[in-house]
Amino acid sequence: MYLAKVIKPVVCSVKHGAYRGKPLLLIMPLSGGPEDYEIAVDYVGAGIGDTVLAGGGPGVAQKVFNLDKAPMKTLIMGIVD
């Protein structure tokens, strides 16, 4: 897990069915360089400019979203106050 800043939402015209109804956000890890970005699935309601707790190990998305297959690497798991 790591801290990251939400940059902006990601819009896709075609995406895997596992992402249906789930917001995707572009995040920048606070410990990375200025060009280290990731796309993360949000399930806590984070917004632009929020500092968030991101990460996720193998199988976490499957359990969180109750999916058979979840091709998701990074989840936003909390918003830092």
Protein backbone atom coordinates (compact mmCIF):
# COMPACT_ATOMS: atom_id res chain seq x y z
CA MET A 1 0.00 0.00 0.00
CA TYR A 2 1.12 3.53 -0.67
CA LEU A 3 -0.09 7.13 -0.65
CA ALA A 4 -1.05 8.75 -3.94
CA LYS A 5 -2.70 11.90 -5.27
CA VAL A 6 -5.78 11.67 -7.51
CA ILE A 7 -5.06 13.52 -10.76
CA LYS A 8 -8.26 13.06 -12.81
CA PRO A 9 -10.93 10.53 -13.82
CA VAL A 10 -10.26 8.11 -16.67
CA VAL A 11 -12.93 7.65 -19.35
CA CYS A 12 -12.93 4.56 -21.59
CA SER A 13 -15.22 3.78 -24.49
CA VAL A 14 -14.51 0.04 -24.24
CA LYS A 15 -13.48 -1.74 -21.07
CA HIS A 16 -13.50 -5.19 -19.48
CA GLY A 17 -16.83 -6.21 -17.94
CA ALA A 18 -15.28 -6.31 -14.47
CA TYR A 19 -14.92 -2.52 -14.63
CA ARG A 20 -18.61 -1.89 -15.39
CA GLY A 21 -20.03 0.69 -12.98
CA LYS A 22 -16.70 1.28 -11.24
CA PRO A 23 -14.95 4.65 -11.47
CA LEU A 24 -11.38 4.66 -12.77
CA LEU A 25 -8.99 7.37 -11.58
CA LEU A 26 -5.52 8.41 -12.68
CA ILE A 27 -3.30 8.57 -9.60
CA MET A 28 0.30 9.62 -8.96
CA PRO A 29 2.16 7.89 -6.12
CA LEU A 30 3.59 10.47 -3.69
CA SER A 31 6.84 8.52 -3.41
CA GLY A 32 7.36 8.33 -7.18
CA GLY A 33 8.70 10.66 -9.81
CA PRO A 34 6.65 13.31 -11.61
CA GLU A 35 5.80 10.90 -14.44
CA ASP A 36 4.84 7.82 -12.40
CA TYR A 37 1.11 7.39 -12.97
CA GLU A 38 -1.29 4.49 -12.48
CA ILE A 39 -4.94 3.83 -13.20
CA ALA A 40 -6.80 2.71 -10.11
CA VAL A 41 -10.32 1.45 -9.44
CA ASP A 42 -12.07 3.59 -6.84
CA TYR A 43 -14.57 2.13 -4.39
CA VAL A 44 -14.44 4.77 -1.64
CA GLY A 45 -15.60 7.87 -3.55
CA ALA A 46 -12.30 9.73 -3.96
CA GLY A 47 -12.16 12.92 -6.00
CA ILE A 48 -9.66 15.05 -7.88
CA GLY A 49 -6.90 16.32 -5.58
CA ASP A 50 -7.56 13.82 -2.78
CA THR A 51 -4.67 12.02 -1.14
CA VAL A 52 -5.58 8.34 -1.11
CA LEU A 53 -4.34 4.99 0.14
CA ALA A 54 -3.81 2.78 -2.91
CA GLY A 55 -2.54 -0.71 -3.60
CA GLY A 56 -3.86 -4.23 -3.69
CA GLY A 57 -2.42 -7.68 -3.70
CA PRO A 58 -3.35 -10.65 -5.85
CA GLY A 59 -7.02 -11.57 -5.45
CA VAL A 60 -8.04 -8.50 -3.45
CA ALA A 61 -10.24 -7.05 -6.21
CA GLN A 62 -11.96 -10.42 -6.67
CA LYS A 63 -12.95 -10.45 -3.00
CA VAL A 64 -13.87 -6.77 -2.76
CA PHE A 65 -16.07 -6.72 -5.86
CA ASN A 66 -17.21 -10.38 -5.65
CA LEU A 67 -16.01 -11.25 -9.17
CA ASP A 68 -14.85 -14.53 -10.70
CA LYS A 69 -12.07 -12.74 -12.59
CA ALA A 70 -10.86 -9.25 -11.81
CA PRO A 71 -8.04 -7.89 -14.00
CA MET A 72 -7.40 -5.04 -11.58
CA LYS A 73 -3.98 -4.22 -10.21
CA THR A 74 -4.54 -1.09 -8.14
CA LEU A 75 -7.47 -0.19 -5.89
CA ILE A 76 -8.13 3.02 -4.00
CA MET A 77 -8.83 1.76 -0.50
CA GLY A 78 -9.11 4.93 1.57
CA ILE A 79 -9.07 8.72 1.56
CA VAL A 80 -6.51 10.44 3.81
CA ASP A 81 -7.96 13.23 5.96
